[in-house]
């Protein structure tokens, strides 16, 4: 606090500090603690010690002058560049999902994709993190891999993760990324130009839509129904098609096998490439009946994006792409220009987590917990949300709600937040400028099971007030 006060100018140069005895009394700490802190501040130049006089703020620390280099947001200066005219794009103006950063303080956080400490395998991960820090392992991962990845993680993905989705890939067909988000950005930068046509699901994943629109002016919406992406004529004019067939975002529905086969046939006939985002499919109860598109691909037309972050923790930021070797070769060269490779210590810890069997055990535990919460959520919505319909696929961690016609989901979400209930308005998932506003997405991976019904009860009471229905 003393350093902050000095740097912000609240303690000017030459100001006298309280005596060590006085400050110890004010803060209720030992006098030696204050003496040690003062001495450290003297060593760092913030304070000066004057014999028989005490401690004073150092003369070198004056409030920083307002220069063009340190202007705060909103400040202007005659010599400042006109930044708005220099930007080649303005990503901040795109519609994005917005979630409160302090969501943990809310009693009923129905948010998708957030970290639940009660479900994280803390002891297992700690064991693997310690293992990655052994002398031998440090010698393995500490060197610069340039454009490479940890070979142990690649092997463990091939052994324990990809076979669950029916995928068999050689090492030169795999690249590790910093989450699925970077995987999509790399693919977009490598494959899309301004006149490249890419179709995305509508409603669909907003961040993917925004990533593609930074590269291409021809991002088109493709209709979705209760079986996922529809086989419409709009597919015929696409160069690429991005979709989430395992669990469609945000509706959670799973594309049946017949439609998957039809989509692959259309891709061959119309010469388009599919980008498959196979998120959150680890818990599919009928995975063999609905294998990934990549596992059915005999033409090399499917570029597969997967992630470990969705299952373990969003902060882990580990994803991967499975694609033909020539594509991976170029992706490695592109990634090298951006960041060379994801941190090798994290890759090695994840490899140990997979290799020691912790991943499969975690999948079983997490699947059971999410199944319990999904059942409680379904019961609560039946009881407290009359007039709503919803889609709640198997093995998911979110639910897609449709409210009565005329419902303003944004206003309902804002009012619910005031009551401690966090839900996501659904309009963000639609492409058009005037999206329907009577949709909501509810995640249940981060809310304790015992709070689900009470949270839905609060949401239902608000919805029944009728003030959120347009007349």
Protein backbone atom coordinates (compact mmCIF):
# COMPACT_ATOMS: atom_id res chain seq x y z
CA UNK A 1 0.00 0.00 0.00
CA UNK A 2 2.87 2.35 0.71
CA UNK A 3 4.38 1.70 -2.73
CA UNK A 4 1.00 2.28 -4.42
CA UNK A 5 0.48 5.51 -2.49
CA UNK A 6 3.92 6.78 -3.52
CA UNK A 7 3.53 5.85 -7.18
CA UNK A 8 0.06 7.43 -7.37
CA UNK A 9 1.32 10.67 -5.81
CA UNK A 10 -0.73 10.38 -2.62
CA UNK A 11 2.53 10.32 -0.64
CA UNK A 12 4.68 13.10 -2.13
CA UNK A 13 8.46 13.12 -2.12
CA UNK A 14 9.80 14.14 1.27
CA UNK A 15 6.65 13.15 3.17
CA UNK A 16 7.42 11.81 6.61
CA UNK A 17 6.29 8.26 7.38
CA UNK A 18 4.80 7.20 10.74
CA UNK A 19 7.34 5.84 13.21
CA UNK A 20 7.73 2.07 13.28
CA UNK A 21 6.14 1.97 16.74
CA UNK A 22 3.16 4.08 15.63
CA UNK A 23 2.54 2.07 12.43
CA UNK A 24 2.84 -1.23 14.33
CA UNK A 25 0.12 -0.05 16.69
CA UNK A 26 -2.14 1.10 13.84
CA UNK A 27 -1.79 -2.18 11.92
CA UNK A 28 -1.71 -4.45 14.99
CA UNK A 29 1.53 -6.11 13.89
CA UNK A 30 4.91 -6.57 15.54
CA UNK A 31 7.22 -3.58 15.43
CA UNK A 32 9.94 -5.74 13.87
CA UNK A 33 7.61 -6.41 10.94
CA UNK A 34 7.30 -2.69 10.24
CA UNK A 35 11.06 -2.17 10.63
CA UNK A 36 11.76 -4.95 8.11
CA UNK A 37 9.22 -3.53 5.66
CA UNK A 38 10.64 -0.03 5.97
CA UNK A 39 14.15 -1.35 5.43
CA UNK A 40 13.08 -3.18 2.27
CA UNK A 41 11.49 0.02 0.96
CA UNK A 42 14.72 1.86 1.71
CA UNK A 43 16.71 -0.79 -0.18
CA UNK A 44 14.39 -0.41 -3.17
CA UNK A 45 14.62 3.39 -3.10
CA UNK A 46 11.04 4.18 -2.13
CA UNK A 47 11.98 5.52 1.30
CA UNK A 48 14.96 7.33 2.78
CA UNK A 49 16.20 6.82 6.34
CA UNK A 50 17.39 9.96 8.09
CA UNK A 51 19.34 9.55 11.30
CA UNK A 52 17.31 10.52 14.38
CA UNK A 53 14.53 11.82 12.12
CA UNK A 54 12.79 8.69 10.80
CA UNK A 55 11.72 7.56 7.35
CA UNK A 56 10.73 9.81 4.44
CA UNK A 57 9.46 9.26 0.90
CA UNK A 58 12.40 9.18 -1.51
CA UNK A 59 12.94 12.27 -3.63
CA UNK A 60 13.28 10.16 -6.79
CA UNK A 61 9.64 9.09 -6.64
CA UNK A 62 7.54 11.92 -8.03
CA UNK A 63 4.12 11.34 -9.62
CA UNK A 64 4.65 10.23 -13.19
CA UNK A 65 4.16 12.93 -15.79
CA UNK A 66 1.29 12.56 -18.28
CA UNK A 67 3.10 11.73 -21.48
CA UNK A 68 1.78 10.16 -24.71
CA UNK A 69 3.29 6.86 -23.64
CA UNK A 70 1.29 6.62 -20.43
CA UNK A 71 -1.98 8.33 -21.29
CA UNK A 72 -4.90 6.53 -19.75
CA UNK A 73 -7.91 5.40 -21.79
CA UNK A 74 -9.93 8.35 -22.94
CA UNK A 75 -7.03 10.84 -22.65
CA UNK A 76 -5.92 12.68 -25.76
CA UNK A 77 -2.76 14.41 -26.83
CA UNK A 78 -2.05 16.60 -29.79
CA UNK A 79 0.75 14.33 -30.98
CA UNK A 80 -1.02 11.00 -30.44
CA UNK A 81 -1.58 8.79 -33.50
CA UNK A 82 -5.14 8.49 -34.80
CA UNK A 83 -5.39 4.83 -33.88
CA UNK A 84 -8.89 4.27 -35.25
CA UNK A 85 -7.59 4.92 -38.74
CA UNK A 86 -4.67 2.53 -38.32
CA UNK A 87 -6.57 -0.60 -37.22
CA UNK A 88 -6.99 -3.19 -39.96
CA UNK A 89 -9.81 -4.74 -37.92
CA UNK A 90 -11.77 -3.94 -34.76
CA UNK A 91 -12.42 -7.25 -32.98
CA UNK A 92 -13.80 -5.46 -29.93
CA UNK A 93 -16.87 -4.36 -31.89
CA UNK A 94 -18.04 -7.91 -32.57
CA UNK A 95 -20.79 -9.48 -30.51
CA UNK A 96 -19.28 -11.75 -27.88
CA UNK A 97 -20.46 -13.84 -24.98
CA UNK A 98 -20.00 -11.76 -21.83
CA UNK A 99 -19.57 -13.43 -18.43
CA UNK A 100 -18.92 -11.69 -15.08
CA UNK A 101 -15.31 -12.18 -14.06
CA UNK A 102 -16.34 -12.50 -10.42
CA UNK A 103 -19.00 -15.13 -11.18
CA UNK A 104 -17.93 -17.26 -8.19
CA UNK A 105 -19.51 -14.78 -5.78
CA UNK A 106 -22.96 -15.45 -7.27
CA UNK A 107 -25.02 -18.09 -5.49
CA UNK A 108 -26.51 -19.66 -8.64
CA UNK A 109 -23.97 -19.51 -11.52
CA UNK A 110 -25.63 -21.28 -14.46
CA UNK A 111 -22.68 -20.49 -16.72
CA UNK A 112 -21.22 -22.77 -19.35
CA UNK A 113 -17.58 -23.84 -19.39
CA UNK A 114 -16.50 -22.49 -16.00
CA UNK A 115 -14.18 -24.19 -13.56
CA UNK A 116 -15.68 -26.24 -10.71
CA UNK A 117 -13.06 -26.86 -8.00
CA UNK A 118 -15.14 -29.70 -6.56
CA UNK A 119 -14.84 -31.70 -9.80
CA UNK A 120 -11.20 -31.00 -10.61
CA UNK A 121 -8.83 -33.92 -9.88
CA UNK A 122 -6.53 -31.77 -7.75
CA UNK A 123 -4.38 -34.50 -6.25
CA UNK A 124 -3.92 -36.34 -9.55
CA UNK A 125 -2.99 -33.15 -11.40
CA UNK A 126 -0.62 -32.10 -8.63
CA UNK A 127 1.11 -35.49 -8.92
CA UNK A 128 1.57 -35.01 -12.65
CA UNK A 129 2.72 -31.39 -12.29
CA UNK A 130 5.33 -32.51 -9.75
CA UNK A 131 6.38 -35.31 -12.07
CA UNK A 132 6.86 -32.80 -14.90
CA UNK A 133 9.20 -30.84 -12.62
CA UNK A 134 11.57 -33.72 -11.91
CA UNK A 135 15.13 -33.25 -13.13
CA UNK A 136 14.76 -35.88 -15.84
CA UNK A 137 11.48 -34.44 -17.15
CA UNK A 138 12.82 -30.89 -17.12
CA UNK A 139 15.67 -32.04 -19.35
CA UNK A 140 13.02 -33.43 -21.71
CA UNK A 141 10.77 -30.39 -22.02
CA UNK A 142 12.90 -27.34 -21.18
CA UNK A 143 14.60 -27.13 -24.57
CA UNK A 144 13.11 -25.07 -27.39
CA UNK A 145 10.98 -27.35 -29.57
CA UNK A 146 10.84 -24.61 -32.26
CA UNK A 147 7.71 -25.74 -34.16
CA UNK A 148 7.37 -29.14 -32.46
CA UNK A 149 5.26 -30.59 -29.67
CA UNK A 150 5.98 -32.87 -26.74
CA UNK A 151 6.20 -36.30 -28.39
CA UNK A 152 4.93 -37.93 -25.19
CA UNK A 153 1.71 -35.91 -25.30
CA UNK A 154 1.23 -36.75 -28.97
CA UNK A 155 1.60 -40.45 -28.15
CA UNK A 156 -0.83 -40.25 -25.22
CA UNK A 157 -3.43 -38.46 -27.36
CA UNK A 158 -3.14 -41.27 -29.91
CA UNK A 159 -3.45 -43.94 -27.23
CA UNK A 160 -6.06 -42.61 -24.81
CA UNK A 161 -8.07 -39.78 -26.38
CA UNK A 162 -8.48 -40.13 -30.14
CA UNK A 163 -9.51 -43.81 -30.19
CA UNK A 164 -12.56 -42.91 -28.07
CA UNK A 165 -13.79 -40.94 -31.09
CA UNK A 166 -12.75 -43.58 -33.61
CA UNK A 167 -9.75 -41.60 -34.86
CA UNK A 168 -6.38 -43.11 -35.76
CA UNK A 169 -3.76 -40.54 -36.70
CA UNK A 170 0.00 -40.58 -37.18
CA UNK A 171 2.19 -38.07 -35.30
CA UNK A 172 2.63 -35.90 -38.40
CA UNK A 173 -1.17 -35.46 -38.53
CA UNK A 174 -1.43 -33.88 -35.06
CA UNK A 175 -0.56 -30.42 -33.74
CA UNK A 176 -1.07 -29.13 -30.19
CA UNK A 177 -2.64 -25.69 -29.73
CA UNK A 178 -3.42 -23.32 -26.88
CA UNK A 179 -7.00 -24.48 -26.61
CA UNK A 180 -9.56 -25.07 -29.34
CA UNK A 181 -9.79 -21.30 -29.78
CA UNK A 182 -6.27 -21.05 -31.16
CA UNK A 183 -6.89 -24.12 -33.27
CA UNK A 184 -9.78 -22.36 -35.02
CA UNK A 185 -7.77 -19.16 -35.43
CA UNK A 186 -4.83 -21.03 -36.99
CA UNK A 187 -7.13 -22.81 -39.44
CA UNK A 188 -8.86 -19.55 -40.34
CA UNK A 189 -5.59 -17.72 -40.93
CA UNK A 190 -4.19 -20.55 -43.04
CA UNK A 191 -7.25 -21.34 -45.14
CA UNK A 192 -9.50 -18.29 -45.42
CA UNK A 193 -9.21 -15.27 -47.66
CA UNK A 194 -11.53 -12.30 -48.05
CA UNK A 195 -13.56 -14.06 -50.73
CA UNK A 196 -13.57 -17.53 -49.16
CA UNK A 197 -17.08 -18.73 -48.33
CA UNK A 198 -17.40 -20.49 -44.99
CA UNK A 199 -20.69 -21.72 -43.59
CA UNK A 200 -21.34 -21.77 -39.85
CA UNK A 201 -24.25 -23.08 -37.84
CA UNK A 202 -26.98 -20.57 -37.01
CA UNK A 203 -27.46 -20.52 -34.08
CA UNK A 204 -23.84 -21.42 -33.45
CA UNK A 205 -20.62 -20.72 -31.59
CA UNK A 206 -20.08 -16.92 -31.54
CA UNK A 207 -16.29 -16.98 -31.15
CA UNK A 208 -15.87 -19.22 -34.18
CA UNK A 209 -18.11 -16.92 -36.19
CA UNK A 210 -16.07 -13.90 -35.10
CA UNK A 211 -12.74 -15.61 -35.85
CA UNK A 212 -13.83 -16.50 -39.37
CA UNK A 213 -15.26 -13.04 -40.02
CA UNK A 214 -11.87 -11.44 -39.28
CA UNK A 215 -10.46 -13.36 -42.26
CA UNK A 216 -13.40 -13.61 -44.65
CA UNK A 217 -16.21 -11.31 -45.78
CA UNK A 218 -18.32 -14.30 -46.75
CA UNK A 219 -19.36 -16.01 -43.54
CA UNK A 220 -22.87 -17.39 -44.04
CA UNK A 221 -25.34 -18.91 -41.60
CA UNK A 222 -26.53 -22.49 -42.06
CA UNK A 223 -29.84 -23.60 -40.53
CA UNK A 224 -30.01 -26.02 -37.59
CA UNK A 225 -32.80 -28.34 -36.47
CA UNK A 226 -33.34 -31.04 -33.83
CA UNK A 227 -30.67 -33.21 -35.52
CA UNK A 228 -28.05 -30.50 -35.85
CA UNK A 229 -26.89 -28.90 -39.11
CA UNK A 230 -29.50 -29.23 -41.87
CA UNK A 231 -28.52 -30.54 -45.30
CA UNK A 232 -29.62 -27.39 -47.14
CA UNK A 233 -28.77 -25.97 -50.57
CA UNK A 234 -26.65 -23.32 -48.82
CA UNK A 235 -23.93 -25.94 -48.39
CA UNK A 236 -23.35 -26.12 -52.13
CA UNK A 237 -21.66 -22.73 -52.36
CA UNK A 238 -19.33 -23.19 -49.39
CA UNK A 239 -15.57 -23.66 -49.52
CA UNK A 240 -15.54 -24.66 -45.84
CA UNK A 241 -18.20 -25.68 -43.34
CA UNK A 242 -17.70 -25.34 -39.60
CA UNK A 243 -19.94 -27.37 -37.31
CA UNK A 244 -20.27 -29.03 -33.90
CA UNK A 245 -21.90 -32.39 -34.70
CA UNK A 246 -21.16 -34.16 -31.40
CA UNK A 247 -23.03 -31.59 -29.32
CA UNK A 248 -24.32 -28.73 -31.41
CA UNK A 249 -23.53 -25.35 -29.86
CA UNK A 250 -25.77 -24.13 -28.30
CA UNK A 251 -28.70 -26.55 -28.75
CA UNK A 252 -26.71 -29.62 -27.44
CA UNK A 253 -28.28 -31.98 -30.02
CA UNK A 254 -26.20 -34.74 -31.61
CA UNK A 255 -26.13 -35.25 -35.37
CA UNK A 256 -27.28 -38.81 -36.25
CA UNK A 257 -25.10 -41.16 -38.25
CA UNK A 258 -27.26 -40.98 -41.40
CA UNK A 259 -26.91 -37.22 -41.61
CA UNK A 260 -23.18 -37.42 -41.00
CA UNK A 261 -22.81 -39.77 -43.95
CA UNK A 262 -24.94 -37.45 -46.08
CA UNK A 263 -22.79 -34.46 -45.14
CA UNK A 264 -19.60 -36.26 -46.11
CA UNK A 265 -21.14 -37.19 -49.45
CA UNK A 266 -22.12 -33.57 -50.08
CA UNK A 267 -18.60 -32.44 -49.18
CA UNK A 268 -17.17 -34.79 -51.79
CA UNK A 269 -19.71 -33.80 -54.46
CA UNK A 270 -19.39 -30.05 -53.87
CA UNK A 271 -15.69 -29.98 -53.01
CA UNK A 272 -15.90 -28.30 -49.61
CA UNK A 273 -13.87 -29.03 -46.48
CA UNK A 274 -15.38 -29.63 -43.05
CA UNK A 275 -14.00 -28.18 -39.81
CA UNK A 276 -15.31 -30.42 -37.05
CA UNK A 277 -15.29 -28.94 -33.53
CA UNK A 278 -15.81 -32.09 -31.48
CA UNK A 279 -16.16 -30.43 -28.09
CA UNK A 280 -17.59 -32.11 -25.00
CA UNK A 281 -18.18 -35.51 -26.58
CA UNK A 282 -16.30 -37.50 -23.93
CA UNK A 283 -19.59 -38.24 -22.14
CA UNK A 284 -21.70 -39.40 -25.09
CA UNK A 285 -23.42 -42.62 -23.97
CA UNK A 286 -23.71 -43.90 -27.55
CA UNK A 287 -20.32 -42.78 -28.88
CA UNK A 288 -20.02 -45.88 -31.09
CA UNK A 289 -23.33 -45.06 -32.77
CA UNK A 290 -22.31 -41.43 -33.35
CA UNK A 291 -18.57 -41.52 -34.09
CA UNK A 292 -16.79 -38.33 -35.06
CA UNK A 293 -17.02 -37.12 -38.64
CA UNK A 294 -13.25 -37.50 -38.84
CA UNK A 295 -13.52 -41.23 -38.14
CA UNK A 296 -15.86 -41.60 -41.15
CA UNK A 297 -13.73 -39.45 -43.45
CA UNK A 298 -11.99 -41.41 -46.23
CA UNK A 299 -11.17 -38.39 -48.41
CA UNK A 300 -9.21 -36.25 -45.95
CA UNK A 301 -11.92 -33.58 -46.05
CA UNK A 302 -12.43 -33.27 -42.28
CA UNK A 303 -10.18 -31.09 -40.14
CA UNK A 304 -10.74 -32.13 -36.54
CA UNK A 305 -10.48 -29.79 -33.53
CA UNK A 306 -10.38 -31.21 -30.01
CA UNK A 307 -9.58 -29.94 -26.53
CA UNK A 308 -8.45 -31.17 -23.12
CA UNK A 309 -9.45 -27.87 -21.51
CA UNK A 310 -13.18 -28.59 -21.68
CA UNK A 311 -12.77 -31.75 -19.61
CA UNK A 312 -10.04 -30.72 -17.19
CA UNK A 313 -10.09 -26.95 -16.67
CA UNK A 314 -10.57 -24.00 -19.04
CA UNK A 315 -7.38 -22.40 -17.74
CA UNK A 316 -5.29 -25.36 -18.94
CA UNK A 317 -5.56 -24.13 -22.55
CA UNK A 318 -4.58 -27.32 -24.37
CA UNK A 319 -6.23 -28.25 -27.64
CA UNK A 320 -5.22 -30.00 -30.83
CA UNK A 321 -5.93 -30.34 -34.54
CA UNK A 322 -6.04 -33.60 -36.52
CA UNK A 323 -5.57 -33.01 -40.24
CA UNK A 324 -3.71 -34.38 -43.27
CA UNK A 325 0.08 -34.12 -42.93
CA UNK A 326 0.48 -31.27 -45.49
CA UNK A 327 -2.01 -29.15 -43.53
CA UNK A 328 -0.27 -29.86 -40.21
CA UNK A 329 3.09 -28.99 -41.79
CA UNK A 330 1.84 -25.51 -42.71
CA UNK A 331 0.06 -25.07 -39.40
CA UNK A 332 3.32 -25.74 -37.56
CA UNK A 333 5.11 -23.11 -39.63
CA UNK A 334 2.30 -20.63 -38.95
CA UNK A 335 2.19 -21.38 -35.23
CA UNK A 336 5.95 -20.92 -35.02
CA UNK A 337 5.55 -17.35 -36.24
CA UNK A 338 2.96 -16.71 -33.55
CA UNK A 339 4.35 -18.39 -30.41
CA UNK A 340 6.58 -21.27 -31.53
CA UNK A 341 4.73 -23.89 -29.44
CA UNK A 342 2.51 -24.16 -26.33
CA UNK A 343 4.44 -24.34 -23.02
CA UNK A 344 6.22 -27.72 -22.93
CA UNK A 345 5.90 -28.16 -19.17
CA UNK A 346 2.09 -28.04 -19.45
CA UNK A 347 2.22 -30.52 -22.32
CA UNK A 348 4.35 -32.93 -20.29
CA UNK A 349 2.07 -32.66 -17.22
CA UNK A 350 -0.93 -33.44 -19.45
CA UNK A 351 0.94 -36.37 -21.00
CA UNK A 352 1.60 -37.81 -17.54
CA UNK A 353 -2.05 -37.26 -16.59
CA UNK A 354 -3.16 -39.27 -19.61
CA UNK A 355 -0.50 -41.95 -19.32
CA UNK A 356 -1.10 -42.69 -15.62
CA UNK A 357 -4.80 -43.37 -16.22
CA UNK A 358 -6.04 -40.27 -14.42
CA UNK A 359 -7.82 -38.99 -17.54
CA UNK A 360 -10.10 -41.99 -17.91
CA UNK A 361 -10.89 -42.03 -14.19
CA UNK A 362 -11.69 -38.31 -14.29
CA UNK A 363 -13.98 -38.79 -17.29
CA UNK A 364 -15.98 -41.39 -15.36
CA UNK A 365 -16.33 -39.23 -12.25
CA UNK A 366 -17.14 -36.07 -14.18
CA UNK A 367 -19.68 -37.86 -16.36
CA UNK A 368 -21.52 -39.16 -13.31
CA UNK A 369 -21.55 -35.73 -11.65
CA UNK A 370 -22.83 -33.97 -14.78
CA UNK A 371 -25.47 -36.66 -15.28
CA UNK A 372 -26.76 -36.08 -11.75
CA UNK A 373 -26.87 -32.33 -12.24
CA UNK A 374 -28.61 -32.68 -15.62
CA UNK A 375 -31.35 -34.77 -14.00
CA UNK A 376 -31.84 -32.24 -11.21
CA UNK A 377 -31.94 -29.39 -13.71
CA UNK A 378 -34.53 -31.16 -15.87
CA UNK A 379 -36.78 -31.79 -12.86
CA UNK A 380 -36.41 -28.22 -11.64
CA UNK A 381 -37.28 -26.73 -15.03
CA UNK A 382 -40.37 -28.92 -15.32
CA UNK A 383 -41.49 -27.65 -11.93
CA UNK A 384 -40.58 -23.98 -12.12
CA UNK A 385 -40.49 -22.98 -15.82
CA UNK A 386 -43.92 -23.68 -17.32
CA UNK A 387 -44.19 -22.20 -20.79
CA UNK A 388 -40.54 -22.92 -21.55
CA UNK A 389 -39.21 -25.72 -23.74
CA UNK A 390 -35.64 -26.96 -23.68
CA UNK A 391 -33.05 -29.19 -25.28
CA UNK A 392 -30.81 -31.13 -22.92
CA UNK A 393 -28.68 -33.63 -24.84
CA UNK A 394 -27.01 -36.68 -23.36
CA UNK A 395 -23.61 -36.16 -21.76
CA UNK A 396 -23.66 -32.34 -21.91
CA UNK A 397 -23.00 -29.59 -19.39
CA UNK A 398 -25.48 -27.00 -20.68
CA UNK A 399 -29.14 -26.66 -21.62
CA UNK A 400 -30.79 -24.62 -24.39
CA UNK A 401 -34.08 -22.96 -23.34
CA UNK A 402 -36.76 -21.38 -25.45
CA UNK A 403 -39.12 -19.08 -23.59
CA UNK A 404 -42.59 -17.88 -24.52
CA UNK A 405 -42.90 -15.70 -27.61
CA UNK A 406 -42.22 -12.11 -26.68
CA UNK A 407 -39.92 -12.95 -23.78
CA UNK A 408 -36.96 -10.60 -23.47
CA UNK A 409 -34.23 -13.02 -22.40
CA UNK A 410 -31.68 -10.25 -21.95
CA UNK A 411 -33.90 -8.37 -19.52
CA UNK A 412 -34.72 -11.58 -17.67
CA UNK A 413 -31.02 -12.44 -17.37
CA UNK A 414 -30.22 -8.95 -16.06
CA UNK A 415 -32.96 -9.18 -13.42
CA UNK A 416 -31.87 -12.69 -12.48
CA UNK A 417 -28.32 -11.47 -11.93
CA UNK A 418 -29.63 -9.05 -9.31
CA UNK A 419 -31.05 -12.09 -7.48
CA UNK A 420 -27.77 -14.03 -7.64
CA UNK A 421 -28.73 -16.16 -10.67
CA UNK A 422 -26.40 -16.05 -13.69
CA UNK A 423 -27.76 -17.25 -17.04
CA UNK A 424 -26.65 -16.53 -20.59
CA UNK A 425 -29.00 -14.70 -23.02
CA UNK A 426 -29.37 -16.73 -26.20
CA UNK A 427 -29.48 -13.95 -28.80
CA UNK A 428 -25.67 -13.90 -29.04
CA UNK A 429 -25.68 -17.31 -30.74
CA UNK A 430 -27.71 -16.07 -33.74
CA UNK A 431 -26.09 -14.34 -36.72
CA UNK A 432 -28.71 -11.84 -37.88
CA UNK A 433 -28.93 -8.26 -36.67
CA UNK A 434 -32.33 -8.82 -35.04
CA UNK A 435 -31.99 -12.23 -33.40
CA UNK A 436 -34.80 -13.83 -31.41
CA UNK A 437 -34.55 -12.76 -27.78
CA UNK A 438 -36.57 -15.49 -26.09
CA UNK A 439 -33.69 -17.97 -25.72
CA UNK A 440 -31.37 -18.71 -22.79
CA UNK A 441 -28.43 -21.05 -22.24
CA UNK A 442 -27.95 -22.58 -18.81
CA UNK A 443 -24.67 -24.28 -17.90
CA UNK A 444 -24.50 -26.58 -14.90
CA UNK A 445 -20.86 -27.65 -14.70
CA UNK A 446 -19.97 -25.01 -12.12
CA UNK A 447 -23.06 -24.84 -9.89
CA UNK A 448 -23.28 -27.25 -6.93
CA UNK A 449 -26.03 -29.84 -7.36
CA UNK A 450 -27.82 -28.79 -4.16
CA UNK A 451 -28.32 -25.22 -5.46
CA UNK A 452 -29.83 -26.09 -8.84
CA UNK A 453 -33.51 -26.26 -7.90
CA UNK A 454 -33.45 -23.11 -5.80
CA UNK A 455 -31.70 -21.22 -8.60
CA UNK A 456 -34.29 -22.35 -11.17
CA UNK A 457 -37.04 -21.48 -8.69
CA UNK A 458 -35.76 -17.89 -8.51
CA UNK A 459 -35.50 -17.72 -12.31
CA UNK A 460 -39.00 -19.15 -12.72
CA UNK A 461 -40.50 -16.67 -10.25
CA UNK A 462 -38.98 -13.80 -12.20
CA UNK A 463 -40.21 -15.19 -15.53
CA UNK A 464 -43.77 -15.52 -14.16
CA UNK A 465 -43.87 -11.85 -13.20
CA UNK A 466 -44.61 -11.11 -16.84
CA UNK A 467 -42.65 -7.86 -16.95
CA UNK A 468 -40.20 -9.44 -19.42
CA UNK A 469 -42.89 -10.28 -21.98
CA UNK A 470 -43.41 -7.80 -24.80
CA UNK A 471 -47.02 -6.99 -25.54
